[in-house]
């Protein structure tokens, strides 16, 4: 390959007239770009000077998670979700039981009960005892459910928010890294997630293998091979 022929082809492809008077005085920036382009063309024309290195990186918009592998994919997702809930998506065992016991009560209902039960007067004292609360919300079995609703919403709601913040932060870092053509691996995802968890105060978050798997599935992320040219 000859550099002159490549440049000639470029002028034809880009429909450039080399006799155009406006091309006589290129700027300093244009000269620097031309010098860099010349180095690239010369390197390509001399393949013996080049070394290639293959590397795997995580990338976005992978069809692996979006196109049909049928029942097998669904089974893997279910197994992964169960594993995930056992680690990073549940606070403690008693909260699992709490969630099961309260499953008949919508979150909106719980919040209305709390708003009514904990309504305060000007002095900061609660306006209502259990009796009017029970009269207003007849489906409540006993007074303990008010405090249980409060505990459940505080723990579950706060943790859900934190997990969403972790997910968003990690995804933004991944997108930025790939926009800069930087390779990304599972260990990077894990480190970013743990750092974000510390920042939002989610100290029991582990960034487990199942969480990483589901993170990649949620955002259609998979591994692909890239080739780097080393001079």
Protein backbone atom coordinates (compact mmCIF):
# COMPACT_ATOMS: atom_id res chain seq x y z
CA UNK A 1 0.00 0.00 0.00
CA UNK A 2 1.14 3.52 -0.83
CA UNK A 3 0.17 6.52 1.33
CA UNK A 4 -0.21 8.73 -1.77
CA UNK A 5 -2.87 6.44 -3.22
CA UNK A 6 -4.76 6.34 0.07
CA UNK A 7 -4.78 10.16 0.20
CA UNK A 8 -5.93 10.27 -3.42
CA UNK A 9 -8.81 7.92 -2.58
CA UNK A 10 -9.72 10.05 0.43
CA UNK A 11 -10.01 13.17 -1.73
CA UNK A 12 -12.37 11.30 -4.05
CA UNK A 13 -14.43 9.83 -1.22
CA UNK A 14 -14.79 13.23 0.49
CA UNK A 15 -15.27 15.02 -2.86
CA UNK A 16 -12.36 17.39 -2.22
CA UNK A 17 -10.98 19.61 -4.99
CA UNK A 18 -7.27 20.04 -4.30
CA UNK A 19 -7.19 23.08 -6.62
CA UNK A 20 -9.61 24.96 -4.40
CA UNK A 21 -8.03 28.31 -3.36
CA UNK A 22 -9.55 28.05 0.13
CA UNK A 23 -7.19 25.13 0.89
CA UNK A 24 -4.03 27.21 0.54
CA UNK A 25 -3.88 28.47 4.13
CA UNK A 26 -4.72 25.71 6.64
CA UNK A 27 -4.90 26.64 10.33
CA UNK A 28 -2.46 25.35 12.94
CA UNK A 29 -5.10 22.97 14.27
CA UNK A 30 -5.72 21.61 10.77
CA UNK A 31 -1.98 21.08 10.30
CA UNK A 32 -1.78 19.11 13.56
CA UNK A 33 -4.72 16.92 12.55
CA UNK A 34 -3.10 16.33 9.16
CA UNK A 35 0.18 15.33 10.82
CA UNK A 36 -1.63 12.88 13.08
CA UNK A 37 -3.57 11.45 10.14
CA UNK A 38 -0.33 11.07 8.19
CA UNK A 39 1.18 9.04 11.04
CA UNK A 40 -1.87 6.78 11.09
CA UNK A 41 -1.75 6.23 7.32
CA UNK A 42 1.98 5.49 7.40
CA UNK A 43 1.46 3.01 10.26
CA UNK A 44 -1.28 1.22 8.34
CA UNK A 45 0.90 1.06 5.23
CA UNK A 46 3.69 -0.54 7.27
CA UNK A 47 1.91 -3.45 9.03
CA UNK A 48 5.20 -4.88 10.28
CA UNK A 49 5.41 -1.95 12.69
CA UNK A 50 2.02 -2.71 14.20
CA UNK A 51 1.11 -5.00 17.07
CA UNK A 52 -2.43 -6.04 17.83
CA UNK A 53 -3.87 -6.85 21.23
CA UNK A 54 -7.29 -8.40 21.77
CA UNK A 55 -9.20 -7.57 24.93
CA UNK A 56 -12.66 -8.31 26.30
CA UNK A 57 -14.83 -5.47 27.56
CA UNK A 58 -18.39 -5.05 28.76
CA UNK A 59 -20.54 -3.11 26.35
CA UNK A 60 -24.11 -1.88 26.11
CA UNK A 61 -27.03 -3.02 23.93
CA UNK A 62 -26.25 -6.71 23.82
CA UNK A 63 -28.90 -8.95 22.27
CA UNK A 64 -27.93 -11.75 24.64
CA UNK A 65 -30.42 -10.52 27.22
CA UNK A 66 -33.14 -9.21 24.91
CA UNK A 67 -33.68 -11.91 22.27
CA UNK A 68 -35.31 -15.25 22.83
CA UNK A 69 -33.43 -18.10 24.28
CA UNK A 70 -36.88 -19.32 25.31
CA UNK A 71 -37.57 -21.01 28.59
CA UNK A 72 -33.92 -21.48 29.46
CA UNK A 73 -33.34 -17.73 29.63
CA UNK A 74 -36.44 -17.26 31.79
CA UNK A 75 -35.32 -20.01 34.16
CA UNK A 76 -31.86 -18.46 34.48
CA UNK A 77 -33.43 -15.07 35.20
CA UNK A 78 -35.69 -16.55 37.88
CA UNK A 79 -32.79 -18.38 39.53
CA UNK A 80 -30.67 -15.25 39.41
CA UNK A 81 -33.47 -13.12 40.85
CA UNK A 82 -33.93 -15.55 43.74
CA UNK A 83 -30.21 -15.52 44.44
CA UNK A 84 -30.17 -11.75 44.24
CA UNK A 85 -33.02 -11.39 46.71
CA UNK A 86 -31.13 -13.63 49.13
CA UNK A 87 -28.14 -11.29 49.13
CA UNK A 88 -28.29 -7.67 48.02
CA UNK A 89 -32.01 -7.10 47.62
CA UNK A 90 -33.18 -8.06 51.12
CA UNK A 91 -32.17 -6.44 54.37
CA UNK A 92 -32.62 -9.33 56.80
CA UNK A 93 -34.61 -12.53 57.23
CA UNK A 94 -37.21 -10.90 59.43
CA UNK A 95 -37.96 -8.34 56.74
CA UNK A 96 -38.76 -11.19 54.35
CA UNK A 97 -41.31 -12.49 56.84
CA UNK A 98 -42.61 -8.96 57.35
CA UNK A 99 -43.11 -8.52 53.64
CA UNK A 100 -44.99 -11.82 53.42
CA UNK A 101 -47.25 -10.98 56.37
CA UNK A 102 -48.07 -7.52 54.99
CA UNK A 103 -48.51 -8.58 51.38
CA UNK A 104 -52.29 -8.03 51.53
CA UNK A 105 -51.81 -4.34 52.32
CA UNK A 106 -50.88 -1.99 49.44
CA UNK A 107 -48.11 0.51 50.11
CA UNK A 108 -50.53 3.39 49.54
CA UNK A 109 -52.83 1.98 52.22
CA UNK A 110 -49.94 1.66 54.69
CA UNK A 111 -48.97 5.28 54.08
CA UNK A 112 -52.55 6.50 54.60
CA UNK A 113 -52.73 4.62 57.89
CA UNK A 114 -49.49 6.21 59.08
CA UNK A 115 -50.51 9.70 57.97
CA UNK A 116 -53.75 9.34 59.90
CA UNK A 117 -52.32 7.61 62.98
CA UNK A 118 -49.31 9.91 63.40
CA UNK A 119 -51.08 13.18 62.66
CA UNK A 120 -49.96 15.75 65.26
CA UNK A 121 -51.51 18.84 66.81
CA UNK A 122 -49.77 22.21 67.19
CA UNK A 123 -47.95 21.05 70.31
CA UNK A 124 -46.47 18.04 68.51
CA UNK A 125 -48.66 15.44 70.20
CA UNK A 126 -50.46 12.71 68.29
CA UNK A 127 -54.12 13.57 67.77
CA UNK A 128 -55.48 10.04 67.71
CA UNK A 129 -55.38 6.91 69.81
CA UNK A 130 -55.77 3.42 68.42
CA UNK A 131 -59.58 3.51 68.71
CA UNK A 132 -60.26 6.13 65.99
CA UNK A 133 -57.55 4.59 63.81
CA UNK A 134 -59.25 1.20 64.08
CA UNK A 135 -62.61 2.80 63.35
CA UNK A 136 -61.23 4.47 60.21
CA UNK A 137 -59.28 1.43 58.95
CA UNK A 138 -61.36 -1.59 59.94
CA UNK A 139 -59.15 -4.13 58.13
CA UNK A 140 -56.30 -3.60 60.62
CA UNK A 141 -56.11 -6.70 62.87
CA UNK A 142 -54.55 -4.91 65.84
CA UNK A 143 -52.61 -1.83 66.96
CA UNK A 144 -49.22 -3.45 66.28
CA UNK A 145 -49.82 -3.16 62.56
CA UNK A 146 -49.36 0.61 62.70
CA UNK A 147 -45.79 0.30 63.98
CA UNK A 148 -45.17 -2.61 61.59
CA UNK A 149 -46.30 -0.48 58.66
CA UNK A 150 -43.93 2.26 59.78
CA UNK A 151 -40.97 -0.09 60.11
CA UNK A 152 -41.67 -1.78 56.79
CA UNK A 153 -41.96 1.46 54.80
CA UNK A 154 -38.84 2.93 56.40
CA UNK A 155 -36.67 -0.13 55.76
CA UNK A 156 -38.05 -1.27 52.43
CA UNK A 157 -38.59 2.15 50.88
CA UNK A 158 -35.25 3.59 51.95
CA UNK A 159 -33.31 0.54 50.80
CA UNK A 160 -35.12 0.44 47.47
CA UNK A 161 -34.15 4.07 46.89
CA UNK A 162 -30.53 3.38 47.74
CA UNK A 163 -30.38 0.38 45.41
CA UNK A 164 -31.80 2.48 42.61
CA UNK A 165 -29.16 5.16 43.24
CA UNK A 166 -26.40 2.52 43.16
CA UNK A 167 -27.74 1.12 39.89
CA UNK A 168 -27.95 4.57 38.30
CA UNK A 169 -24.46 5.59 39.43
CA UNK A 170 -22.81 2.40 38.16
CA UNK A 171 -24.59 2.62 34.81
CA UNK A 172 -23.50 6.24 34.33
CA UNK A 173 -19.88 5.29 35.05
CA UNK A 174 -20.10 2.41 32.57
CA UNK A 175 -21.52 4.63 29.82
CA UNK A 176 -18.85 7.28 30.41
CA UNK A 177 -16.03 4.71 30.34
CA UNK A 178 -17.23 3.22 27.05
CA UNK A 179 -17.67 6.70 25.54
CA UNK A 180 -13.97 7.19 26.31
CA UNK A 181 -13.24 3.80 24.68
CA UNK A 182 -12.04 2.41 28.00
CA UNK A 183 -12.46 -1.34 28.61
CA UNK A 184 -14.80 -2.31 31.45
CA UNK A 185 -14.92 -5.61 33.33
CA UNK A 186 -17.06 -7.19 36.03
CA UNK A 187 -14.55 -6.16 38.69
CA UNK A 188 -15.04 -2.51 37.65
CA UNK A 189 -18.81 -2.88 38.01
CA UNK A 190 -18.32 -4.39 41.47
CA UNK A 191 -15.90 -1.66 42.61
CA UNK A 192 -18.17 1.13 41.36
CA UNK A 193 -21.18 -0.47 43.05
CA UNK A 194 -19.42 -0.87 46.41
CA UNK A 195 -18.13 2.71 46.27
CA UNK A 196 -21.62 4.00 45.47
CA UNK A 197 -23.10 1.87 48.27
CA UNK A 198 -20.74 3.48 50.78
CA UNK A 199 -21.68 6.92 49.50
CA UNK A 200 -25.41 6.35 49.98
CA UNK A 201 -24.95 4.53 53.29
CA UNK A 202 -26.05 1.08 52.15
CA UNK A 203 -23.41 -0.70 54.21
CA UNK A 204 -24.77 -4.24 53.93
CA UNK A 205 -24.72 -4.15 50.11
CA UNK A 206 -22.26 -6.73 48.73
CA UNK A 207 -22.32 -6.27 44.92
CA UNK A 208 -22.60 -10.04 44.65
CA UNK A 209 -22.20 -12.06 41.46
CA UNK A 210 -25.97 -12.36 41.16
CA UNK A 211 -26.40 -8.58 41.49
CA UNK A 212 -23.80 -8.01 38.74
CA UNK A 213 -25.54 -10.58 36.52
CA UNK A 214 -28.91 -8.88 36.98
CA UNK A 215 -27.40 -5.42 36.52
CA UNK A 216 -26.06 -6.52 33.13
CA UNK A 217 -29.40 -8.08 32.23
CA UNK A 218 -31.34 -4.94 33.21
CA UNK A 219 -29.18 -2.76 30.97
CA UNK A 220 -28.56 -5.25 28.14
CA UNK A 221 -24.81 -5.43 28.81
CA UNK A 222 -22.53 -8.23 27.65
CA UNK A 223 -18.88 -8.91 26.86
CA UNK A 224 -17.39 -8.29 23.42
CA UNK A 225 -13.91 -8.48 22.00
CA UNK A 226 -12.06 -5.33 20.97
CA UNK A 227 -8.75 -5.07 19.12
CA UNK A 228 -6.19 -2.46 20.14
CA UNK A 229 -3.39 -1.39 17.80
CA UNK A 230 -0.08 -0.95 19.60
CA UNK A 231 2.69 0.99 17.86
